[in-house]
Amino acid sequence: MRATSNAHGRVRQLRRRMSLPEVILWTALRGREPGRPVFRRQHPIGPYVLDFYCAKARLCVEVDGGN
């Protein structure tokens, strides 16, 4: 599913304003070492923006709390 045209601007804004729980999780997920899954943050899918997404595993992670 493709992202809507206005989602890309919203994604940039969300990446700049991540909540504390999102920042903590992102620091743990961001390493791209061999054998580790690769995650994307604030990934747009259709009209939605996923907090974290691993394409290979087809796994999305939503984090609540913080702000």
N, C-alpha and C. Protein backbone atom coordinates (compact mmCIF):
# COMPACT_ATOMS: atom_id res chain seq x y z
N MET A 1 0.85 -1.17 0.00
CA MET A 1 0.00 0.00 0.00
C MET A 1 0.90 1.24 0.00
N ARG A 2 0.61 2.17 -0.85
CA ARG A 2 1.40 3.40 -0.95
C ARG A 2 0.93 4.44 0.05
N ALA A 3 1.86 5.28 0.43
CA ALA A 3 1.53 6.37 1.35
C ALA A 3 0.82 7.48 0.60
N THR A 4 -0.04 8.18 1.29
CA THR A 4 -0.70 9.33 0.68
C THR A 4 0.31 10.47 0.53
N SER A 5 0.03 11.40 -0.35
CA SER A 5 0.99 12.46 -0.66
C SER A 5 1.31 13.34 0.54
N ASN A 6 0.34 13.58 1.41
CA ASN A 6 0.60 14.45 2.57
C ASN A 6 1.24 13.69 3.72
N ALA A 7 1.34 12.37 3.64
CA ALA A 7 1.93 11.58 4.72
C ALA A 7 3.42 11.81 4.85
N HIS A 8 4.11 12.07 3.75
CA HIS A 8 5.56 12.24 3.80
C HIS A 8 5.97 13.46 4.62
N GLY A 9 5.24 14.55 4.49
CA GLY A 9 5.52 15.74 5.31
C GLY A 9 5.23 15.48 6.77
N ARG A 10 4.16 14.75 7.03
CA ARG A 10 3.80 14.40 8.40
C ARG A 10 4.84 13.47 9.02
N VAL A 11 5.39 12.57 8.23
CA VAL A 11 6.41 11.64 8.71
C VAL A 11 7.65 12.41 9.16
N ARG A 12 8.09 13.36 8.37
CA ARG A 12 9.26 14.17 8.74
C ARG A 12 9.03 14.88 10.07
N GLN A 13 7.84 15.41 10.24
CA GLN A 13 7.50 16.12 11.47
C GLN A 13 7.50 15.14 12.66
N LEU A 14 6.95 13.95 12.48
CA LEU A 14 6.90 12.97 13.56
C LEU A 14 8.29 12.47 13.94
N ARG A 15 9.19 12.37 12.96
CA ARG A 15 10.55 11.93 13.27
C ARG A 15 11.26 12.95 14.15
N ARG A 16 10.97 14.22 13.95
CA ARG A 16 11.60 15.27 14.77
C ARG A 16 11.01 15.33 16.17
N ARG A 17 9.77 14.88 16.35
CA ARG A 17 9.07 15.00 17.63
C ARG A 17 8.74 13.64 18.23
N MET A 18 9.70 12.75 18.27
CA MET A 18 9.45 11.43 18.85
C MET A 18 9.32 11.54 20.37
N SER A 19 8.43 10.73 20.95
CA SER A 19 8.26 10.72 22.40
C SER A 19 9.45 9.99 23.04
N LEU A 20 9.61 10.14 24.33
CA LEU A 20 10.72 9.51 25.03
C LEU A 20 10.71 7.98 24.87
N PRO A 21 9.57 7.29 25.03
CA PRO A 21 9.57 5.84 24.81
C PRO A 21 9.99 5.47 23.38
N GLU A 22 9.59 6.27 22.39
CA GLU A 22 9.99 6.00 21.00
C GLU A 22 11.49 6.19 20.82
N VAL A 23 12.05 7.22 21.43
CA VAL A 23 13.49 7.48 21.32
C VAL A 23 14.28 6.33 21.95
N ILE A 24 13.85 5.87 23.11
CA ILE A 24 14.54 4.77 23.79
C ILE A 24 14.49 3.50 22.93
N LEU A 25 13.34 3.18 22.39
CA LEU A 25 13.22 1.98 21.55
C LEU A 25 14.03 2.14 20.26
N TRP A 26 14.02 3.32 19.66
CA TRP A 26 14.75 3.54 18.41
C TRP A 26 16.25 3.38 18.62
N THR A 27 16.78 3.83 19.76
CA THR A 27 18.21 3.66 20.01
C THR A 27 18.58 2.18 20.10
N ALA A 28 17.66 1.34 20.54
CA ALA A 28 17.92 -0.10 20.61
C ALA A 28 17.76 -0.78 19.25
N LEU A 29 16.87 -0.25 18.40
CA LEU A 29 16.56 -0.90 17.12
C LEU A 29 17.42 -0.42 15.95
N ARG A 30 18.04 0.72 16.06
CA ARG A 30 18.64 1.37 14.90
C ARG A 30 19.89 0.72 14.36
N GLY A 31 20.59 -0.09 15.11
CA GLY A 31 21.82 -0.71 14.61
C GLY A 31 21.57 -1.62 13.42
N ARG A 32 22.38 -1.49 12.39
CA ARG A 32 22.22 -2.33 11.20
C ARG A 32 23.38 -3.30 11.11
N GLU A 33 23.48 -4.13 12.12
CA GLU A 33 24.54 -5.13 12.16
C GLU A 33 24.06 -6.38 11.43
N PRO A 34 25.00 -7.16 10.89
CA PRO A 34 24.62 -8.41 10.20
C PRO A 34 23.84 -9.33 11.14
N GLY A 35 22.78 -9.89 10.61
CA GLY A 35 21.95 -10.80 11.39
C GLY A 35 20.85 -10.15 12.19
N ARG A 36 20.87 -8.82 12.30
CA ARG A 36 19.82 -8.11 13.03
C ARG A 36 18.75 -7.64 12.06
N PRO A 37 17.50 -7.64 12.48
CA PRO A 37 16.45 -7.11 11.60
C PRO A 37 16.62 -5.61 11.41
N VAL A 38 16.22 -5.13 10.26
CA VAL A 38 16.31 -3.70 9.94
C VAL A 38 14.94 -3.07 10.16
N PHE A 39 14.90 -2.05 10.99
CA PHE A 39 13.66 -1.34 11.27
C PHE A 39 13.71 0.04 10.67
N ARG A 40 12.54 0.52 10.26
CA ARG A 40 12.37 1.91 9.81
C ARG A 40 11.51 2.59 10.86
N ARG A 41 11.75 3.88 11.07
CA ARG A 41 10.92 4.60 12.03
C ARG A 41 9.98 5.54 11.30
N GLN A 42 8.80 5.72 11.86
CA GLN A 42 7.77 6.59 11.29
C GLN A 42 7.57 6.27 9.81
N HIS A 43 7.21 5.04 9.53
CA HIS A 43 7.07 4.54 8.16
C HIS A 43 5.62 4.70 7.69
N PRO A 44 5.39 5.43 6.58
CA PRO A 44 4.02 5.63 6.10
C PRO A 44 3.51 4.42 5.32
N ILE A 45 2.29 4.00 5.63
CA ILE A 45 1.60 2.94 4.88
C ILE A 45 0.17 3.43 4.70
N GLY A 46 -0.17 3.73 3.46
CA GLY A 46 -1.51 4.27 3.19
C GLY A 46 -1.71 5.56 3.98
N PRO A 47 -2.85 5.70 4.63
CA PRO A 47 -3.10 6.92 5.41
C PRO A 47 -2.50 6.86 6.81
N TYR A 48 -1.82 5.76 7.14
CA TYR A 48 -1.29 5.56 8.49
C TYR A 48 0.22 5.77 8.52
N VAL A 49 0.73 6.07 9.71
CA VAL A 49 2.16 6.17 9.93
C VAL A 49 2.51 5.23 11.07
N LEU A 50 3.31 4.22 10.77
CA LEU A 50 3.71 3.24 11.78
C LEU A 50 4.92 3.78 12.55
N ASP A 51 4.96 3.56 13.85
CA ASP A 51 6.10 4.04 14.63
C ASP A 51 7.38 3.35 14.18
N PHE A 52 7.36 2.02 14.10
CA PHE A 52 8.52 1.25 13.66
C PHE A 52 8.03 0.12 12.77
N TYR A 53 8.81 -0.19 11.72
CA TYR A 53 8.40 -1.22 10.77
C TYR A 53 9.60 -2.01 10.30
N CYS A 54 9.49 -3.34 10.33
CA CYS A 54 10.50 -4.24 9.80
C CYS A 54 9.88 -4.93 8.58
N ALA A 55 10.37 -4.59 7.39
CA ALA A 55 9.78 -5.10 6.15
C ALA A 55 10.01 -6.60 5.99
N LYS A 56 11.19 -7.07 6.34
CA LYS A 56 11.50 -8.50 6.16
C LYS A 56 10.57 -9.38 6.99
N ALA A 57 10.29 -8.97 8.21
CA ALA A 57 9.42 -9.74 9.09
C ALA A 57 7.95 -9.34 8.95
N ARG A 58 7.69 -8.27 8.18
CA ARG A 58 6.34 -7.72 8.04
C ARG A 58 5.74 -7.45 9.42
N LEU A 59 6.55 -6.76 10.24
CA LEU A 59 6.19 -6.48 11.63
C LEU A 59 6.15 -4.98 11.86
N CYS A 60 5.05 -4.52 12.45
CA CYS A 60 4.98 -3.12 12.84
C CYS A 60 4.87 -3.04 14.36
N VAL A 61 5.48 -2.00 14.92
CA VAL A 61 5.48 -1.80 16.35
C VAL A 61 4.96 -0.39 16.61
N GLU A 62 3.92 -0.28 17.40
CA GLU A 62 3.36 1.00 17.79
C GLU A 62 3.66 1.22 19.26
N VAL A 63 4.14 2.41 19.59
CA VAL A 63 4.50 2.74 20.97
C VAL A 63 3.54 3.80 21.48
N ASP A 64 2.90 3.52 22.61
CA ASP A 64 2.00 4.49 23.23
C ASP A 64 2.66 5.04 24.49
N GLY A 65 2.19 6.18 24.90
CA GLY A 65 2.73 6.79 26.11
C GLY A 65 3.61 7.97 25.80
N GLY A 66 4.16 8.53 26.82
CA GLY A 66 5.01 9.69 26.63
C GLY A 66 4.20 10.96 26.55
N ASN A 67 4.23 11.62 25.39
CA ASN A 67 3.57 12.93 25.21
C ASN A 67 2.09 12.80 25.19
